[in-house]
Amino acid sequence: ACLSAAQAAGLIVSRLRAYCVQVPGNSHYFLAKARRAAGWSKGQECYALNGGMTKYKSQPCIGGKGLQACLSAAHAAGLEASGLPTMLSASRVASTKQIVAPGV
């Protein structure tokens, strides 16, 4: 509704970028974060379920079980989301095909 109203008012609307990234220790769960970097480290932020940003592991984040679930949750929240590759080892990279669920 907000995007439609802004467009109707002649404003240029762009969504915030989100990247669905696999949660460490849970290969089936993905969370949406603003920074385009695979993995998670102390102090990094994700998009909070209640709006805004939150530090990783401090409040539930937008995400889902599997990449598709994370992407869907991010899109439903008005974010422009995509997945990032996940490092499996120093010599191998695999594309994440699942979405992270909130609160993991």
C-alpha atoms as a PDB file:
ATOM      1  CA  ALA A   1       0.000   0.000   0.000  1.00  0.00           C
ATOM      2  CA  CYS A   2       2.815   2.388   0.873  1.00  0.00           C
ATOM      3  CA  LEU A   3       4.677   1.669  -2.373  1.00  0.00           C
ATOM      4  CA  SER A   4       1.511   2.225  -4.398  1.00  0.00           C
ATOM      5  CA  ALA A   5       0.804   5.525  -2.645  1.00  0.00           C
ATOM      6  CA  ALA A   6       4.365   6.723  -3.199  1.00  0.00           C
ATOM      7  CA  GLN A   7       4.233   5.816  -6.889  1.00  0.00           C
ATOM      8  CA  ALA A   8       0.840   7.513  -7.247  1.00  0.00           C
ATOM      9  CA  ALA A   9       2.399  10.654  -5.767  1.00  0.00           C
ATOM     10  CA  GLY A  10       5.053  10.559  -8.488  1.00  0.00           C
ATOM     11  CA  LEU A  11       7.896   9.423  -6.258  1.00  0.00           C
ATOM     12  CA  ILE A  12      10.573   7.046  -7.443  1.00  0.00           C
ATOM     13  CA  VAL A  13      10.383   3.968  -5.273  1.00  0.00           C
ATOM     14  CA  SER A  14      13.201   1.553  -4.664  1.00  0.00           C
ATOM     15  CA  ARG A  15      13.182  -1.328  -2.242  1.00  0.00           C
ATOM     16  CA  LEU A  16      15.911  -2.020   0.262  1.00  0.00           C
ATOM     17  CA  ARG A  17      18.274  -4.803  -0.816  1.00  0.00           C
ATOM     18  CA  ALA A  18      18.357  -7.990   1.230  1.00  0.00           C
ATOM     19  CA  TYR A  19      20.548 -11.059   0.884  1.00  0.00           C
ATOM     20  CA  CYS A  20      19.317 -14.416   2.165  1.00  0.00           C
ATOM     21  CA  VAL A  21      22.278 -16.070   3.846  1.00  0.00           C
ATOM     22  CA  GLN A  22      22.541 -19.506   5.398  1.00  0.00           C
ATOM     23  CA  VAL A  23      22.667 -19.655   9.192  1.00  0.00           C
ATOM     24  CA  PRO A  24      25.862 -21.192  10.617  1.00  0.00           C
ATOM     25  CA  GLY A  25      25.215 -24.648  12.021  1.00  0.00           C
ATOM     26  CA  ASN A  26      21.812 -24.908  10.323  1.00  0.00           C
ATOM     27  CA  SER A  27      22.187 -25.567   6.597  1.00  0.00           C
ATOM     28  CA  HIS A  28      18.412 -25.456   6.084  1.00  0.00           C
ATOM     29  CA  TYR A  29      17.736 -22.003   7.526  1.00  0.00           C
ATOM     30  CA  PHE A  30      18.374 -18.610   5.922  1.00  0.00           C
ATOM     31  CA  LEU A  31      18.141 -15.043   7.222  1.00  0.00           C
ATOM     32  CA  ALA A  32      17.892 -11.753   5.326  1.00  0.00           C
ATOM     33  CA  LYS A  33      20.710  -9.296   5.874  1.00  0.00           C
ATOM     34  CA  ALA A  34      21.551  -5.968   4.253  1.00  0.00           C
ATOM     35  CA  ARG A  35      25.251  -6.598   3.698  1.00  0.00           C
ATOM     36  CA  ARG A  36      26.226  -8.622   0.620  1.00  0.00           C
ATOM     37  CA  ALA A  37      28.532 -11.096   2.337  1.00  0.00           C
ATOM     38  CA  ALA A  38      28.178 -14.823   2.881  1.00  0.00           C
ATOM     39  CA  GLY A  39      28.272 -16.087   6.460  1.00  0.00           C
ATOM     40  CA  TRP A  40      27.681 -14.333   9.750  1.00  0.00           C
ATOM     41  CA  SER A  41      30.009 -12.713  12.222  1.00  0.00           C
ATOM     42  CA  LYS A  42      29.608 -10.877  15.499  1.00  0.00           C
ATOM     43  CA  GLY A  43      27.978  -7.494  15.092  1.00  0.00           C
ATOM     44  CA  GLN A  44      26.407  -8.137  11.700  1.00  0.00           C
ATOM     45  CA  GLU A  45      22.791  -7.145  11.281  1.00  0.00           C
ATOM     46  CA  CYS A  46      19.742  -8.737   9.728  1.00  0.00           C
ATOM     47  CA  TYR A  47      16.297  -7.360   8.915  1.00  0.00           C
ATOM     48  CA  ALA A  48      14.139  -7.700  12.035  1.00  0.00           C
ATOM     49  CA  LEU A  49      10.669  -9.240  11.867  1.00  0.00           C
ATOM     50  CA  ASN A  50       9.215  -6.179  13.590  1.00  0.00           C
ATOM     51  CA  GLY A  51      10.910  -3.804  11.140  1.00  0.00           C
ATOM     52  CA  GLY A  52      14.280  -2.154  10.982  1.00  0.00           C
ATOM     53  CA  MET A  53      17.581  -3.875  11.603  1.00  0.00           C
ATOM     54  CA  THR A  54      18.787  -5.970  14.516  1.00  0.00           C
ATOM     55  CA  LYS A  55      22.069  -7.563  15.520  1.00  0.00           C
ATOM     56  CA  TYR A  56      22.323 -11.206  14.483  1.00  0.00           C
ATOM     57  CA  LYS A  57      20.896 -13.432  17.248  1.00  0.00           C
ATOM     58  CA  SER A  58      19.441 -10.568  19.311  1.00  0.00           C
ATOM     59  CA  GLN A  59      15.881 -10.498  17.864  1.00  0.00           C
ATOM     60  CA  PRO A  60      13.971 -12.640  15.355  1.00  0.00           C
ATOM     61  CA  CYS A  61      15.026 -11.877  11.797  1.00  0.00           C
ATOM     62  CA  ILE A  62      13.225 -12.175   8.484  1.00  0.00           C
ATOM     63  CA  GLY A  63      14.035 -15.527   6.964  1.00  0.00           C
ATOM     64  CA  GLY A  64      12.847 -19.089   6.601  1.00  0.00           C
ATOM     65  CA  LYS A  65      13.573 -22.766   6.302  1.00  0.00           C
ATOM     66  CA  GLY A  66      15.201 -22.938   2.900  1.00  0.00           C
ATOM     67  CA  LEU A  67      16.289 -20.231   0.469  1.00  0.00           C
ATOM     68  CA  GLN A  68      12.863 -19.932  -1.162  1.00  0.00           C
ATOM     69  CA  ALA A  69      11.203 -19.360   2.205  1.00  0.00           C
ATOM     70  CA  CYS A  70      13.685 -16.597   3.060  1.00  0.00           C
ATOM     71  CA  LEU A  71      13.226 -14.922  -0.310  1.00  0.00           C
ATOM     72  CA  SER A  72       9.441 -15.085   0.040  1.00  0.00           C
ATOM     73  CA  ALA A  73       9.541 -13.647   3.569  1.00  0.00           C
ATOM     74  CA  ALA A  74      11.843 -10.829   2.459  1.00  0.00           C
ATOM     75  CA  HIS A  75       9.656  -9.994  -0.550  1.00  0.00           C
ATOM     76  CA  ALA A  76       6.547 -10.018   1.683  1.00  0.00           C
ATOM     77  CA  ALA A  77       8.325  -7.485   3.932  1.00  0.00           C
ATOM     78  CA  GLY A  78       8.906  -5.211   0.925  1.00  0.00           C
ATOM     79  CA  LEU A  79      12.590  -6.057   0.444  1.00  0.00           C
ATOM     80  CA  GLU A  80      14.343  -6.779  -2.844  1.00  0.00           C
ATOM     81  CA  ALA A  81      15.961 -10.112  -1.969  1.00  0.00           C
ATOM     82  CA  SER A  82      18.423 -12.524  -3.523  1.00  0.00           C
ATOM     83  CA  GLY A  83      20.449 -15.471  -2.279  1.00  0.00           C
ATOM     84  CA  LEU A  84      24.197 -15.611  -1.781  1.00  0.00           C
ATOM     85  CA  PRO A  85      26.569 -18.519  -2.321  1.00  0.00           C
ATOM     86  CA  THR A  86      27.639 -20.362   0.794  1.00  0.00           C
ATOM     87  CA  MET A  87      31.204 -21.428   1.421  1.00  0.00           C
ATOM     88  CA  LEU A  88      31.310 -25.175   1.967  1.00  0.00           C
ATOM     89  CA  SER A  89      35.078 -25.395   2.161  1.00  0.00           C
ATOM     90  CA  ALA A  90      38.118 -23.355   1.171  1.00  0.00           C
ATOM     91  CA  SER A  91      38.046 -24.822  -2.338  1.00  0.00           C
ATOM     92  CA  ARG A  92      34.327 -25.310  -2.997  1.00  0.00           C
ATOM     93  CA  VAL A  93      31.407 -22.873  -3.220  1.00  0.00           C
ATOM     94  CA  ALA A  94      27.775 -23.948  -3.554  1.00  0.00           C
ATOM     95  CA  SER A  95      24.749 -21.842  -4.317  1.00  0.00           C
ATOM     96  CA  THR A  96      22.234 -21.636  -1.477  1.00  0.00           C
ATOM     97  CA  LYS A  97      18.845 -22.826  -2.658  1.00  0.00           C
ATOM     98  CA  GLN A  98      17.019 -22.529   0.646  1.00  0.00           C
ATOM     99  CA  ILE A  99      15.633 -19.695   2.759  1.00  0.00           C
ATOM    100  CA  VAL A 100      16.361 -18.914   6.390  1.00  0.00           C
ATOM    101  CA  ALA A 101      13.530 -18.755   8.860  1.00  0.00           C
ATOM    102  CA  PRO A 102      13.065 -15.905  11.347  1.00  0.00           C
ATOM    103  CA  GLY A 103      14.393 -16.189  14.855  1.00  0.00           C
ATOM    104  CA  VAL A 104      17.101 -18.761  14.233  1.00  0.00           C
END
